[in-house]
Each structure stands twice: as C-alpha cells, then as structure tokens.
Amino acid sequence: MAAIAPSLSTSTQTSVSAGSCKVEFRHGNMTLENPSPELLTLLIRELTGRGR
C-alpha cells in the first residue's frame, strides 16, 4: 500500500509532486527521495491498478 494517495483525474495534465515517497509492501519498504512527477504518477498508476 502506498503511503501517499493523491487523487488522480482522467486528465493527462495531472501533476504530482513530493519531496520523498515511501511505499510499504508486504515484504519490505521502498523510499524514493525527490522522485520526478513522472515517476510518481507511474508508481501511483501501477499501485492502484490503473496502468492495466
């Protein structure tokens, strides 16, 4: 489950930003420092199942 959960619109102009992003998985954690908006958007899409 992601520690951040900004709402995503269907617009292609969605902007996401964060100084750091912590993602908690069943078997470990991942922290990204200063991730790009593109990486955050991709991560959120994949974790919410919207990338499929």
N, C-alpha and C. Protein backbone atom coordinates (compact mmCIF):
# COMPACT_ATOMS: atom_id res chain seq x y z
N MET A 1 0.84 -1.18 0.00
CA MET A 1 0.00 0.00 0.00
C MET A 1 0.88 1.23 0.00
N ALA A 2 0.55 2.21 -0.79
CA ALA A 2 1.34 3.43 -0.89
C ALA A 2 1.07 4.34 0.30
N ALA A 3 2.12 4.99 0.76
CA ALA A 3 1.97 5.93 1.87
C ALA A 3 1.37 7.24 1.39
N ILE A 4 1.48 7.52 0.09
CA ILE A 4 0.85 8.71 -0.47
C ILE A 4 -0.31 8.27 -1.33
N ALA A 5 -1.35 9.05 -1.38
CA ALA A 5 -2.51 8.67 -2.18
C ALA A 5 -3.20 9.89 -2.76
N PRO A 6 -2.50 10.67 -3.60
CA PRO A 6 -3.19 11.80 -4.22
C PRO A 6 -4.23 11.29 -5.20
N SER A 7 -5.31 12.03 -5.34
CA SER A 7 -6.34 11.60 -6.28
C SER A 7 -5.85 11.83 -7.70
N LEU A 8 -6.14 10.89 -8.57
CA LEU A 8 -5.76 11.00 -9.97
C LEU A 8 -6.99 11.28 -10.80
N SER A 9 -6.91 12.27 -11.63
CA SER A 9 -8.02 12.54 -12.54
C SER A 9 -7.74 11.82 -13.85
N THR A 10 -8.71 11.80 -14.73
CA THR A 10 -8.51 11.17 -16.02
C THR A 10 -7.81 12.11 -16.98
N SER A 11 -7.60 13.34 -16.58
CA SER A 11 -6.90 14.32 -17.41
C SER A 11 -5.44 13.93 -17.57
N THR A 12 -4.86 14.23 -18.72
CA THR A 12 -3.45 13.95 -18.93
C THR A 12 -2.58 15.02 -18.30
N GLN A 13 -3.18 16.05 -17.70
CA GLN A 13 -2.42 17.13 -17.10
C GLN A 13 -2.34 17.00 -15.58
N THR A 14 -2.51 15.82 -15.05
CA THR A 14 -2.40 15.61 -13.62
C THR A 14 -0.97 15.85 -13.18
N SER A 15 -0.78 16.61 -12.12
CA SER A 15 0.56 16.90 -11.62
C SER A 15 0.69 16.37 -10.20
N VAL A 16 1.75 15.61 -9.97
CA VAL A 16 2.00 15.03 -8.66
C VAL A 16 3.42 15.40 -8.27
N SER A 17 3.63 15.80 -7.01
CA SER A 17 4.98 16.08 -6.55
C SER A 17 5.12 15.71 -5.08
N ALA A 18 6.35 15.37 -4.70
CA ALA A 18 6.63 15.03 -3.30
C ALA A 18 8.13 15.12 -3.07
N GLY A 19 8.54 15.53 -1.88
CA GLY A 19 9.95 15.56 -1.53
C GLY A 19 10.50 14.16 -1.36
N SER A 20 9.67 13.27 -0.83
CA SER A 20 10.04 11.87 -0.71
C SER A 20 8.76 11.04 -0.75
N CYS A 21 8.92 9.80 -1.13
CA CYS A 21 7.77 8.91 -1.27
C CYS A 21 8.14 7.58 -0.64
N LYS A 22 7.36 7.14 0.33
CA LYS A 22 7.60 5.85 0.98
C LYS A 22 6.48 4.90 0.60
N VAL A 23 6.86 3.75 0.07
CA VAL A 23 5.89 2.74 -0.32
C VAL A 23 6.13 1.52 0.56
N GLU A 24 5.08 1.04 1.18
CA GLU A 24 5.18 -0.14 2.05
C GLU A 24 4.59 -1.35 1.33
N PHE A 25 5.42 -2.38 1.16
CA PHE A 25 4.99 -3.63 0.56
C PHE A 25 4.86 -4.68 1.65
N ARG A 26 4.29 -5.80 1.31
CA ARG A 26 4.12 -6.89 2.27
C ARG A 26 5.47 -7.38 2.80
N HIS A 27 6.50 -7.40 1.93
CA HIS A 27 7.80 -7.96 2.32
C HIS A 27 8.91 -6.91 2.38
N GLY A 28 8.58 -5.64 2.53
CA GLY A 28 9.62 -4.63 2.63
C GLY A 28 9.11 -3.25 2.27
N ASN A 29 9.99 -2.28 2.37
CA ASN A 29 9.65 -0.89 2.09
C ASN A 29 10.57 -0.31 1.03
N MET A 30 10.11 0.75 0.39
CA MET A 30 10.91 1.46 -0.60
C MET A 30 10.70 2.95 -0.37
N THR A 31 11.79 3.71 -0.31
CA THR A 31 11.69 5.16 -0.17
C THR A 31 12.40 5.82 -1.33
N LEU A 32 11.72 6.73 -2.00
CA LEU A 32 12.30 7.49 -3.10
C LEU A 32 12.50 8.92 -2.64
N GLU A 33 13.70 9.45 -2.77
CA GLU A 33 13.98 10.83 -2.41
C GLU A 33 13.90 11.70 -3.66
N ASN A 34 13.12 12.75 -3.60
CA ASN A 34 12.93 13.69 -4.70
C ASN A 34 12.58 13.00 -6.02
N PRO A 35 11.56 12.14 -6.03
CA PRO A 35 11.19 11.47 -7.28
C PRO A 35 10.58 12.47 -8.26
N SER A 36 10.75 12.21 -9.53
CA SER A 36 10.18 13.09 -10.55
C SER A 36 8.66 12.93 -10.57
N PRO A 37 7.94 13.95 -11.02
CA PRO A 37 6.48 13.84 -11.13
C PRO A 37 6.05 12.68 -12.02
N GLU A 38 6.83 12.42 -13.08
CA GLU A 38 6.50 11.32 -13.98
C GLU A 38 6.62 9.98 -13.27
N LEU A 39 7.68 9.81 -12.46
CA LEU A 39 7.86 8.56 -11.73
C LEU A 39 6.76 8.37 -10.69
N LEU A 40 6.40 9.43 -9.98
CA LEU A 40 5.32 9.33 -9.00
C LEU A 40 4.00 8.94 -9.66
N THR A 41 3.70 9.57 -10.78
CA THR A 41 2.46 9.27 -11.50
C THR A 41 2.44 7.81 -11.94
N LEU A 42 3.56 7.32 -12.47
CA LEU A 42 3.65 5.93 -12.90
C LEU A 42 3.50 4.98 -11.72
N LEU A 43 4.18 5.28 -10.62
CA LEU A 43 4.09 4.44 -9.42
C LEU A 43 2.67 4.36 -8.90
N ILE A 44 2.00 5.49 -8.82
CA ILE A 44 0.61 5.52 -8.32
C ILE A 44 -0.31 4.76 -9.26
N ARG A 45 -0.13 4.92 -10.56
CA ARG A 45 -0.97 4.18 -11.52
C ARG A 45 -0.79 2.68 -11.36
N GLU A 46 0.46 2.24 -11.22
CA GLU A 46 0.72 0.80 -11.09
C GLU A 46 0.16 0.25 -9.78
N LEU A 47 0.33 0.99 -8.68
CA LEU A 47 -0.13 0.50 -7.39
C LEU A 47 -1.65 0.51 -7.26
N THR A 48 -2.32 1.38 -8.00
CA THR A 48 -3.78 1.44 -7.94
C THR A 48 -4.44 0.60 -9.03
N GLY A 49 -3.63 -0.02 -9.89
CA GLY A 49 -4.18 -0.86 -10.95
C GLY A 49 -4.64 -0.10 -12.16
N ARG A 50 -4.34 1.19 -12.24
CA ARG A 50 -4.78 1.98 -13.39
C ARG A 50 -3.87 1.83 -14.59
N GLY A 51 -2.73 1.19 -14.43
CA GLY A 51 -1.79 1.04 -15.53
C GLY A 51 -2.12 -0.12 -16.45
N ARG A 52 -3.19 -0.83 -16.14
CA ARG A 52 -3.54 -2.03 -16.94
C ARG A 52 -4.72 -1.78 -17.80
